[in-house]
Amino acid sequence: MPALTIECDFTMPLDAAVEDVWAFIDSPEAQVRHHPQIDRIDVVTGAWGEPGSEFVTSGRGKDGEPFTVQQRLVAVDRPHSYVTELKAPDLTTTSTIRFDVVDGRVASFSQGITAVTRNLSLAEYGLVKLQSGAVKREAGDDFLVSLSVLQRFLIEECGDGADAARAG
């Protein structure tokens, strides 16, 4: 059987200064400080924020189990988007974070995720296809956590609290 592709896209309104949103993105320290599941982010290749750089994120999942993932920053199109890629032995996941920018403010926060498996056997293909709904729901939950983490940063560190809270 061929590889299986699972795609999902999420968008929520956000009202924040574009420079404040990018201040969060540009700071792995702020991301660790505000994200309840992330313990550390280490750059292993290149420089933070530069396309081609690779970084390792460690923490604890929702279930409390430790995790470590290595990602690569594929592209940055300031102030509109950035793309990361995570490669595992059986799966490659590409995540595109997008910002709708209007008059220097971010009006919405979006994430598109594409997961592509290796070539699968018929049984594997059927099993993964059956689980794709649960995978999309979990990705949606993770998106909402990311939005709330960004909003927490905007409220606590940028004084953009009223606008960020109203949008979320």
Protein backbone atom coordinates (compact mmCIF):
# COMPACT_ATOMS: atom_id res chain seq x y z
CA MET A 1 0.00 0.00 0.00
CA PRO A 2 1.09 3.58 -0.40
CA ALA A 3 1.87 6.05 2.32
CA LEU A 4 -1.08 7.60 4.14
CA THR A 5 -1.42 11.37 4.44
CA ILE A 6 -3.41 12.91 7.29
CA GLU A 7 -4.11 16.64 7.08
CA CYS A 8 -5.76 19.00 9.53
CA ASP A 9 -6.05 22.75 9.85
CA PHE A 10 -7.09 24.88 12.80
CA THR A 11 -7.74 28.63 13.10
CA MET A 12 -8.71 30.84 16.03
CA PRO A 13 -9.04 34.61 16.30
CA LEU A 14 -6.29 36.52 18.06
CA ASP A 15 -5.85 40.25 18.59
CA ALA A 16 -2.24 41.04 19.42
CA ALA A 17 0.60 43.20 18.20
CA VAL A 18 2.60 41.31 15.60
CA GLU A 19 5.90 42.19 17.33
CA ASP A 20 4.62 40.68 20.60
CA VAL A 21 3.61 37.42 18.88
CA TRP A 22 7.04 37.17 17.22
CA ALA A 23 8.77 38.02 20.52
CA PHE A 24 7.29 34.76 21.83
CA ILE A 25 8.30 32.78 18.75
CA ASP A 26 11.82 34.22 18.89
CA SER A 27 12.30 33.17 22.53
CA PRO A 28 12.66 29.49 23.35
CA GLU A 29 13.05 30.57 26.98
CA ALA A 30 9.58 32.20 26.94
CA GLN A 31 8.11 29.09 25.34
CA VAL A 32 9.56 26.90 28.11
CA ARG A 33 8.45 29.36 30.80
CA HIS A 34 4.83 29.45 29.61
CA HIS A 35 4.17 25.94 28.23
CA PRO A 36 3.13 23.50 30.97
CA GLN A 37 4.44 20.44 29.10
CA ILE A 38 7.82 21.72 27.89
CA ASP A 39 10.87 21.46 30.18
CA ARG A 40 13.56 22.56 27.74
CA ILE A 41 14.36 23.44 24.14
CA ASP A 42 17.91 22.94 22.88
CA VAL A 43 19.22 24.06 19.52
CA VAL A 44 21.39 21.27 18.12
CA THR A 45 22.16 22.61 14.63
CA GLY A 46 22.28 26.18 13.36
CA ALA A 47 20.83 29.19 15.17
CA TRP A 48 17.36 29.54 16.69
CA GLY A 49 14.93 31.02 14.20
CA GLU A 50 17.08 30.36 11.14
CA PRO A 51 15.72 28.03 8.44
CA GLY A 52 17.60 24.73 8.55
CA SER A 53 18.20 24.91 12.30
CA GLU A 54 17.30 21.87 14.35
CA PHE A 55 16.11 21.81 17.93
CA VAL A 56 15.17 19.22 20.53
CA THR A 57 12.15 19.76 22.76
CA SER A 58 11.83 17.76 25.99
CA GLY A 59 9.02 17.61 28.48
CA ARG A 60 6.06 15.60 29.67
CA GLY A 61 3.00 14.73 27.63
CA LYS A 62 -0.60 15.11 28.82
CA ASP A 63 -0.33 11.59 30.18
CA GLY A 64 2.74 12.54 32.25
CA GLU A 65 5.09 10.43 30.15
CA PRO A 66 8.40 12.06 29.19
CA PHE A 67 8.96 12.95 25.55
CA THR A 68 11.82 14.20 23.43
CA VAL A 69 11.34 15.28 19.82
CA GLN A 70 13.75 16.77 17.31
CA GLN A 71 12.41 19.21 14.74
CA ARG A 72 13.82 21.28 11.92
CA LEU A 73 12.79 24.82 11.05
CA VAL A 74 12.02 24.61 7.34
CA ALA A 75 10.96 28.16 6.46
CA VAL A 76 10.18 31.56 7.97
CA ASP A 77 8.06 34.22 6.24
CA ARG A 78 7.88 37.06 8.76
CA PRO A 79 5.40 38.20 9.90
CA HIS A 80 3.05 35.69 8.27
CA SER A 81 4.26 32.15 8.91
CA TYR A 82 6.86 29.58 9.78
CA VAL A 83 7.14 25.86 9.01
CA THR A 84 8.65 23.06 11.08
CA GLU A 85 9.23 19.40 10.26
CA LEU A 86 9.48 16.41 12.56
CA LYS A 87 10.84 13.17 11.14
CA ALA A 88 10.31 9.84 12.87
CA PRO A 89 11.13 6.42 11.46
CA ASP A 90 7.58 5.80 10.21
CA LEU A 91 6.20 9.33 9.89
CA THR A 92 7.07 12.85 8.76
CA THR A 93 4.97 15.68 10.18
CA THR A 94 5.04 19.18 8.75
CA SER A 95 3.48 21.99 10.76
CA THR A 96 2.75 25.41 9.25
CA ILE A 97 1.94 28.19 11.71
CA ARG A 98 0.22 31.15 10.05
CA PHE A 99 -0.76 34.61 11.24
CA ASP A 100 -3.31 36.83 9.54
CA VAL A 101 -1.72 40.26 9.96
CA VAL A 102 -3.85 43.39 9.58
CA ASP A 103 -2.46 46.87 10.34
CA GLY A 104 0.40 45.53 12.45
CA ARG A 105 -1.81 43.22 14.50
CA VAL A 106 -2.34 39.49 14.35
CA ALA A 107 -6.04 38.91 13.69
CA SER A 108 -5.91 35.10 13.67
CA PHE A 109 -3.59 32.23 14.56
CA SER A 110 -3.68 29.09 12.39
CA GLN A 111 -1.88 25.77 12.22
CA GLY A 112 -1.90 23.35 9.32
CA ILE A 113 -0.51 19.89 9.94
CA THR A 114 0.36 17.28 7.35
CA ALA A 115 1.49 13.85 8.51
CA VAL A 116 2.78 11.37 5.93
CA THR A 117 3.52 7.77 6.85
CA ARG A 118 6.03 5.44 5.27
CA ASN A 119 4.58 2.94 2.81
CA LEU A 120 2.21 0.77 4.82
CA SER A 121 0.95 -2.78 4.58
CA LEU A 122 -2.78 -3.18 3.99
CA ALA A 123 -3.39 -4.00 7.69
CA GLU A 124 -1.30 -1.02 8.86
CA TYR A 125 -3.04 1.28 6.38
CA GLY A 126 -6.47 0.23 7.68
CA LEU A 127 -5.45 0.65 11.32
CA VAL A 128 -3.94 4.10 10.78
CA LYS A 129 -6.95 5.18 8.73
CA LEU A 130 -9.25 4.10 11.59
CA GLN A 131 -7.17 6.11 14.07
CA SER A 132 -6.96 9.24 11.93
CA GLY A 133 -9.99 10.87 13.60
CA ALA A 134 -8.41 10.48 17.03
CA VAL A 135 -5.12 11.84 15.67
CA LYS A 136 -6.92 14.93 14.32
CA ARG A 137 -8.74 15.48 17.63
CA GLU A 138 -5.45 15.27 19.54
CA ALA A 139 -3.85 17.72 17.10
CA GLY A 140 -6.78 20.08 17.71
CA ASP A 141 -6.29 19.80 21.47
CA ASP A 142 -2.58 20.55 21.04
CA PHE A 143 -3.43 23.59 18.90
CA LEU A 144 -5.68 24.96 21.65
CA VAL A 145 -2.89 24.45 24.21
CA SER A 146 -0.48 26.34 21.90
CA LEU A 147 -2.97 29.19 21.58
CA SER A 148 -3.47 29.40 25.34
CA VAL A 149 0.31 29.39 25.91
CA LEU A 150 0.72 32.25 23.43
CA GLN A 151 -2.13 34.15 25.09
CA ARG A 152 -0.55 33.63 28.53
CA PHE A 153 2.71 35.13 27.22
CA LEU A 154 0.85 38.09 25.70
CA ILE A 155 -1.01 38.74 28.96
CA GLU A 156 1.87 38.23 31.38
CA GLU A 157 4.80 39.63 29.44
CA CYS A 158 3.44 42.07 26.87
CA GLY A 159 0.50 43.74 28.55
CA ASP A 160 -1.64 42.68 25.61
CA GLY A 161 -3.96 40.85 27.96
CA ALA A 162 -7.33 42.44 27.27
CA ASP A 163 -7.05 41.98 23.53
CA ALA A 164 -5.59 38.46 23.71
CA ALA A 165 -8.18 37.26 26.22
CA ARG A 166 -11.06 38.76 24.21
CA ALA A 167 -9.87 37.07 21.01
CA GLY A 168 -9.46 33.64 22.61
